[in-house]
Protein backbone atom coordinates (compact mmCIF):
# COMPACT_ATOMS: atom_id res chain seq x y z
CA UNK A 1 0.15 0.31 0.16
CA UNK A 2 0.55 3.98 0.40
CA UNK A 3 1.18 6.06 3.21
CA UNK A 4 -0.71 8.92 3.49
CA UNK A 5 -0.57 11.02 -0.12
CA UNK A 6 -1.49 14.58 1.00
CA UNK A 7 0.13 15.90 5.00
CA UNK A 8 -1.20 19.67 4.73
CA UNK A 9 -4.63 18.25 4.03
CA UNK A 10 -4.93 20.36 0.56
CA UNK A 11 -6.73 17.08 -1.39
CA UNK A 12 -9.87 17.51 1.58
CA UNK A 13 -10.31 21.34 0.48
CA UNK A 14 -9.94 20.75 -3.50
CA UNK A 15 -12.14 17.78 -3.09
CA UNK A 16 -14.91 18.72 -1.05
CA UNK A 17 -15.07 22.43 -3.43
CA UNK A 18 -15.18 19.90 -6.60
CA UNK A 19 -18.34 18.28 -5.11
CA UNK A 20 -20.48 20.98 -5.54
CA UNK A 21 -22.53 20.73 -2.39
CA UNK A 22 -25.65 22.53 -1.37
CA UNK A 23 -25.59 23.32 1.95
CA UNK A 24 -22.54 24.56 4.40
CA UNK A 25 -23.90 21.81 6.42
CA UNK A 26 -23.51 18.90 4.28
CA UNK A 27 -19.82 19.87 3.55
CA UNK A 28 -19.24 21.10 6.87
CA UNK A 29 -20.60 17.15 7.29
CA UNK A 30 -17.90 15.84 4.61
CA UNK A 31 -14.98 18.26 6.15
CA UNK A 32 -15.39 15.98 9.75
CA UNK A 33 -16.07 12.79 7.99
CA UNK A 34 -12.34 13.15 5.89
CA UNK A 35 -10.68 14.54 8.73
CA UNK A 36 -11.91 11.95 11.15
CA UNK A 37 -10.31 9.42 8.78
CA UNK A 38 -7.56 11.86 8.38
CA UNK A 39 -6.60 11.60 11.08
CA UNK A 40 -6.28 8.01 11.78
CA UNK A 41 -4.16 7.28 8.29
CA UNK A 42 -1.94 10.02 8.95
CA UNK A 43 -0.47 7.38 12.44
CA UNK A 44 -0.02 4.56 10.56
CA UNK A 45 2.75 3.51 7.80
CA UNK A 46 0.35 2.20 5.27
CA UNK A 47 -3.00 3.25 3.83
CA UNK A 48 -4.68 -0.17 4.63
CA UNK A 49 -7.39 -2.36 6.14
CA UNK A 50 -5.22 -1.56 9.61
CA UNK A 51 -6.48 2.38 8.68
CA UNK A 52 -9.76 1.66 8.49
CA UNK A 53 -10.45 -0.77 11.42
CA UNK A 54 -8.50 2.06 13.44
CA UNK A 55 -10.76 4.89 11.34
CA UNK A 56 -14.07 2.28 13.30
CA UNK A 57 -12.73 1.64 16.55
CA UNK A 58 -12.36 5.06 17.03
CA UNK A 59 -15.90 6.60 16.29
CA UNK A 60 -17.78 3.64 17.11
CA UNK A 61 -17.81 4.73 20.66
CA UNK A 62 -19.12 8.53 19.16
CA UNK A 63 -22.22 7.26 16.50
CA UNK A 64 -24.25 4.69 15.99
CA UNK A 65 -23.04 1.41 13.87
CA UNK A 66 -25.70 3.02 11.46
CA UNK A 67 -24.34 6.22 10.82
CA UNK A 68 -21.07 4.97 11.46
CA UNK A 69 -21.84 2.61 8.19
CA UNK A 70 -23.09 5.10 6.42
CA UNK A 71 -20.02 7.84 6.94
CA UNK A 72 -17.72 4.52 4.85
CA UNK A 73 -19.52 6.22 2.16
CA UNK A 74 -17.97 9.62 2.01
CA UNK A 75 -14.53 7.43 2.92
CA UNK A 76 -14.82 4.89 -0.31
CA UNK A 77 -16.05 8.23 -2.75
CA UNK A 78 -13.11 10.61 -1.28
CA UNK A 79 -10.72 6.88 -1.89
CA UNK A 80 -11.61 6.88 -5.46
CA UNK A 81 -11.03 10.26 -6.09
CA UNK A 82 -7.85 10.04 -4.82
CA UNK A 83 -7.48 6.79 -6.88
CA UNK A 84 -8.08 8.56 -10.05
CA UNK A 85 -5.88 11.65 -9.74
CA UNK A 86 -3.28 8.94 -9.08
CA UNK A 87 -2.58 10.50 -5.40
CA UNK A 88 -2.79 5.93 -4.02
CA UNK A 89 -2.01 3.20 -5.87
CA UNK A 90 -5.22 1.69 -4.96
CA UNK A 91 -8.02 2.11 -2.64
CA UNK A 92 -7.78 0.12 0.35
CA UNK A 93 -11.51 -1.08 0.59
CA UNK A 94 -11.67 -2.20 -3.13
CA UNK A 95 -9.03 -4.38 -3.38
CA UNK A 96 -10.09 -5.99 0.11
CA UNK A 97 -13.73 -6.43 -2.16
CA UNK A 98 -11.25 -7.89 -4.44
CA UNK A 99 -9.63 -10.18 -2.04
CA UNK A 100 -12.98 -11.75 -1.11
CA UNK A 101 -14.67 -11.58 -3.72
CA UNK A 102 -17.65 -8.85 -2.57
CA UNK A 103 -18.95 -6.84 -5.74
CA UNK A 104 -19.96 -3.94 -2.86
CA UNK A 105 -18.24 -2.27 -0.34
CA UNK A 106 -20.71 -1.83 2.44
CA UNK A 107 -20.14 -6.05 3.51
CA UNK A 108 -16.53 -4.87 3.88
CA UNK A 109 -17.18 -1.52 5.52
CA UNK A 110 -19.52 -3.80 8.01
CA UNK A 111 -16.90 -6.70 8.08
CA UNK A 112 -13.92 -4.44 9.12
CA UNK A 113 -16.42 -2.78 12.03
CA UNK A 114 -16.85 -6.55 13.65
CA UNK A 115 -15.26 -7.91 16.60
CA UNK A 116 -14.45 -10.73 14.60
CA UNK A 117 -12.62 -9.34 11.54
CA UNK A 118 -11.46 -12.57 10.42
CA UNK A 119 -14.84 -14.09 10.29
CA UNK A 120 -16.74 -11.38 8.95
CA UNK A 121 -13.91 -11.81 5.74
CA UNK A 122 -14.65 -15.17 5.22
């Protein structure tokens, strides 16, 4: 995998500006979710499964499971954006989907949030 590509956090600002969100509250919510993910990603050597698990664990005390899983879509789209602009080599969520032969990302996030990750991904 790869390390976090944007220590100055400029990619988040550009990404949010390009989304064309209609409400300031939406932009604030997206920024909060993305920055919380970035806080965790910057503490890891690689952008991979460990980052995603750590992020989910960090926020599981603050958000209900359903809300947390809904927030993963923001992360999915941002990681896809980073892949498309060449800032990362591969999207770790998509890589897990491929490794587990799962077509959608939500089951992977659900497995990552579970207490028994290996069993959930089997």
